[in-house]
Protein backbone atom coordinates (compact mmCIF):
# COMPACT_ATOMS: atom_id res chain seq x y z
CA MET A 1 0.00 0.00 0.00
CA VAL A 2 1.39 3.40 -0.95
CA LYS A 3 2.11 6.14 1.58
CA ASP A 4 -0.87 8.29 0.53
CA ASP A 5 -3.26 5.38 1.20
CA THR A 6 -1.69 4.83 4.63
CA SER A 7 -2.10 8.52 5.46
CA PHE A 8 -5.73 8.44 4.33
CA LEU A 9 -6.40 5.39 6.50
CA GLN A 10 -4.73 6.86 9.56
CA LYS A 11 -6.89 9.98 9.34
CA SER A 12 -10.06 7.96 8.71
CA LEU A 13 -9.49 5.57 11.61
CA MET A 14 -8.40 8.25 14.05
CA SER A 15 -11.53 10.21 13.18
CA PHE A 16 -13.75 7.13 13.41
CA SER A 17 -12.56 5.75 16.76
CA SER A 18 -9.91 8.07 18.25
CA MET A 19 -7.24 5.52 17.38
CA THR A 20 -3.60 6.53 17.92
CA LEU A 21 -0.81 6.16 15.36
CA GLU A 22 0.67 3.40 17.53
CA ASP A 23 -2.66 1.53 17.50
CA PHE A 24 -2.93 1.93 13.75
CA SER A 25 0.62 0.72 13.14
CA ILE A 26 -0.20 -2.87 14.14
CA SER A 27 -2.61 -3.07 11.18
CA GLU A 28 -0.05 -2.04 8.58
CA GLY A 29 0.41 -4.75 6.00
CA LEU A 30 -3.17 -5.96 6.44
CA TRP A 31 -4.77 -3.31 4.23
CA GLN A 32 -5.15 -3.49 0.47
CA THR A 33 -6.13 -0.97 -2.16
CA LYS A 34 -8.61 -1.72 -4.95
CA TYR A 35 -9.86 0.36 -7.84
CA TYR A 36 -13.45 -0.19 -8.98
CA LYS A 37 -14.97 0.59 -12.34
CA LYS A 38 -18.45 2.12 -12.52
CA GLY A 39 -20.99 -0.71 -12.14
CA GLU A 40 -18.53 -3.16 -10.58
CA ALA A 41 -19.83 -5.12 -7.59
CA TYR A 42 -18.40 -4.60 -4.12
CA ASN A 43 -20.71 -7.27 -2.69
CA SER A 44 -23.63 -9.24 -4.14
CA VAL A 45 -26.84 -10.87 -2.90
CA ARG A 46 -26.29 -14.20 -1.12
CA GLN A 47 -22.56 -13.47 -0.88
CA VAL A 48 -20.97 -13.09 2.56
CA CYS A 49 -19.28 -9.69 2.85
CA LYS A 50 -15.63 -10.36 3.74
CA PHE A 51 -14.21 -6.84 3.45
CA LEU A 52 -14.50 -3.59 5.37
CA GLY A 53 -13.58 -0.70 3.11
CA PHE A 54 -12.89 3.00 3.42
CA VAL A 55 -13.84 4.96 0.33
CA GLU A 56 -10.96 7.19 -0.71
CA ALA A 57 -12.66 8.32 -3.93
CA GLY A 58 -15.92 7.55 -5.70
CA VAL A 59 -19.46 6.55 -4.78
CA PHE A 60 -21.11 3.21 -3.98
CA ARG A 61 -24.73 2.26 -3.46
CA THR A 62 -26.49 -0.63 -1.74
CA TYR A 63 -29.76 -1.60 -3.37
CA HIS A 64 -32.49 -4.24 -3.41
CA ILE A 65 -34.23 -5.56 -6.53
CA GLU A 66 -38.00 -5.94 -6.15
CA GLU A 67 -38.99 -9.46 -7.24
CA LYS A 68 -42.42 -8.46 -8.54
CA ASN A 69 -41.26 -5.81 -11.01
CA GLY A 70 -37.45 -5.86 -11.10
CA GLU A 71 -37.29 -2.28 -9.78
CA GLU A 72 -34.13 -1.28 -7.95
CA LYS A 73 -34.57 0.40 -4.55
CA ASN A 74 -31.55 2.23 -3.16
CA ILE A 75 -30.95 1.65 0.54
CA PHE A 76 -27.58 3.22 1.34
CA PHE A 77 -24.93 5.38 -0.31
CA TYR A 78 -21.23 5.45 0.56
CA SER A 79 -19.03 8.30 -0.62
CA ALA A 80 -15.52 9.62 -0.03
CA ASN A 81 -14.22 9.35 3.55
CA GLN A 82 -16.96 6.91 4.54
CA LEU A 83 -17.06 3.17 5.20
CA VAL A 84 -18.35 0.85 2.50
CA VAL A 85 -19.58 -2.49 3.85
CA SER A 86 -22.67 -4.68 3.99
CA PHE A 87 -22.90 -4.23 7.75
CA ALA A 88 -25.13 -7.12 8.82
CA SER A 89 -23.42 -9.56 6.48
CA PHE A 90 -19.93 -8.46 7.52
CA ILE A 91 -20.50 -8.35 11.28
CA ASN A 92 -22.41 -11.66 11.44
CA GLN A 93 -20.68 -13.34 8.46
CA VAL A 94 -23.98 -14.34 6.89
CA PRO A 95 -25.13 -14.01 3.25
CA CYS A 96 -26.13 -10.50 2.23
CA HIS A 97 -29.66 -9.56 1.19
CA TYR A 98 -28.52 -6.66 -0.99
CA HIS A 99 -26.24 -5.66 -3.84
CA THR A 100 -23.48 -3.08 -3.32
CA GLU A 101 -21.81 -1.62 -6.39
CA ALA A 102 -19.70 1.31 -7.57
CA MET A 103 -21.75 4.14 -9.08
CA THR A 104 -18.61 5.86 -10.33
CA ASP A 105 -15.01 4.81 -10.76
CA ALA A 106 -13.79 4.45 -7.21
CA LYS A 107 -10.85 3.70 -4.95
CA VAL A 108 -11.20 1.74 -1.70
CA VAL A 109 -8.72 0.77 0.99
CA PHE A 110 -9.98 -2.40 2.68
CA ILE A 111 -9.24 -5.10 5.23
CA HIS A 112 -10.38 -8.74 5.31
CA TYR A 113 -12.76 -9.85 8.07
CA ASP A 114 -10.29 -12.45 9.43
CA ASP A 115 -7.55 -9.85 9.76
CA LEU A 116 -9.89 -7.47 11.55
CA ILE A 117 -10.94 -10.17 14.01
CA HIS A 118 -7.27 -10.84 14.69
CA LEU A 119 -6.77 -7.13 15.46
CA TYR A 120 -9.76 -7.18 17.83
CA LYS A 121 -8.09 -10.00 19.78
CA THR A 122 -4.70 -8.27 19.75
CA SER A 123 -5.53 -4.73 20.79
CA HIS A 124 -8.00 -2.95 23.07
CA ALA A 125 -8.04 -0.01 20.65
CA TRP A 126 -9.06 -2.27 17.80
CA GLU A 127 -11.62 -4.03 20.01
CA HIS A 128 -13.03 -0.55 20.71
CA PHE A 129 -13.08 0.09 16.96
CA GLY A 130 -15.14 -3.09 16.52
CA ARG A 131 -17.68 -1.95 19.11
CA ILE A 132 -18.02 1.43 17.41
CA LEU A 133 -18.44 -0.31 14.05
CA ALA A 134 -21.27 -2.46 15.42
CA GLU A 135 -22.90 0.57 17.04
CA GLN A 136 -22.68 2.54 13.81
CA ALA A 137 -24.29 -0.32 11.88
CA SER A 138 -27.17 -0.35 14.34
CA ASN A 139 -27.53 3.45 14.30
CA ILE A 140 -27.49 3.68 10.51
CA ALA A 141 -30.23 1.07 10.19
CA PHE A 142 -32.29 2.71 12.93
CA ASP A 143 -31.89 6.22 11.51
CA ARG A 144 -32.79 5.02 8.03
CA THR A 145 -35.98 3.38 9.28
CA GLU A 146 -36.97 6.39 11.39
CA SER A 147 -36.38 8.84 8.55
CA LEU A 148 -38.73 6.94 6.25
CA LEU A 149 -41.37 6.61 8.96
CA PHE A 150 -41.32 10.02 10.61
CA GLN A 151 -39.53 12.64 8.53
CA SER A 152 -41.05 14.79 5.82
CA ALA A 153 -39.73 14.43 2.27
CA GLU A 154 -37.97 17.77 2.58
CA MET A 155 -36.26 16.79 5.84
CA ARG A 156 -35.09 13.50 4.32
CA TYR A 157 -33.60 15.43 1.42
CA LEU A 158 -31.84 17.94 3.70
CA ASN A 159 -30.38 15.13 5.81
CA PHE A 160 -29.18 13.40 2.66
CA VAL A 161 -27.39 16.57 1.49
CA LYS A 162 -25.76 16.88 4.93
CA GLN A 163 -24.54 13.27 4.91
CA HIS A 164 -23.46 13.23 1.25
CA PRO A 165 -22.80 16.85 0.23
CA ASN A 166 -21.16 15.98 -3.08
CA LEU A 167 -23.58 13.35 -4.34
CA ILE A 168 -26.11 15.80 -5.75
CA ASN A 169 -23.66 16.53 -8.55
CA ASP A 170 -22.10 13.07 -8.82
CA ILE A 171 -25.05 10.74 -9.39
CA PRO A 172 -28.34 10.84 -11.34
CA LEU A 173 -31.28 12.37 -9.50
CA TYR A 174 -33.43 9.25 -9.92
CA HIS A 175 -31.01 7.33 -7.67
CA ILE A 176 -31.47 9.93 -4.94
CA SER A 177 -35.23 9.86 -5.48
CA SER A 178 -35.22 6.06 -5.02
CA TYR A 179 -33.15 6.30 -1.85
CA LEU A 180 -35.36 8.98 -0.29
CA GLY A 181 -38.64 7.32 -1.26
CA ILE A 182 -39.70 10.48 -3.09
CA GLN A 183 -41.11 10.62 -6.62
CA GLY A 184 -38.87 12.44 -9.10
CA PRO A 185 -41.22 15.41 -9.72
CA SER A 186 -41.71 15.90 -5.96
CA LEU A 187 -37.96 15.88 -5.39
CA SER A 188 -37.50 18.47 -8.14
CA ARG A 189 -40.09 20.72 -6.47
CA ILE A 190 -38.37 20.36 -3.10
CA ARG A 191 -35.01 21.29 -4.60
CA LYS A 192 -36.48 24.29 -6.41
CA ARG A 193 -38.24 25.50 -3.27
CA LEU A 194 -35.04 25.27 -1.23
CA LEU A 195 -33.03 27.09 -3.91
CA ASP A 196 -35.60 29.87 -3.99
CA LYS A 197 -35.34 30.47 -0.24
């Protein structure tokens, strides 16, 4: 792994779990870098997710395909400086219910599940990282469910912009519409109204 990737990882991990450089150093040699082409799968349905990745550049989406009509429903997005992982599959090592793929050309620095488990057993700092990872997985799923149940369409859009500030310009609007559960024309009206304010 090149020096720039190591620097990116250090910053990401220290931000994610307050890990020190000394804590991070025991993971050196376990990380790999992969470049994805637009449309390339990170993880597929019925496949166990074996890798935890940090997105250095690019955008990924997790989506479900409706059996009755073949429609794709976006569930999560992952963009630069965020984790990309099928959380439930990775943490429990069970087959995934969703597809995760690159929406743009992308670069990811990742670690294999077995290597991460070894780090958990080796270091309290990495064990702490694992707890935070599990908590984040739970919080993301909970927040996603609550937003669809209780938030207005406009609030869901504003939260999306806050979480993924660059995606509005990087991906087609219909993908955002699918993720937010908002029809395309309604989303366009919301955006226009907010711009006019």
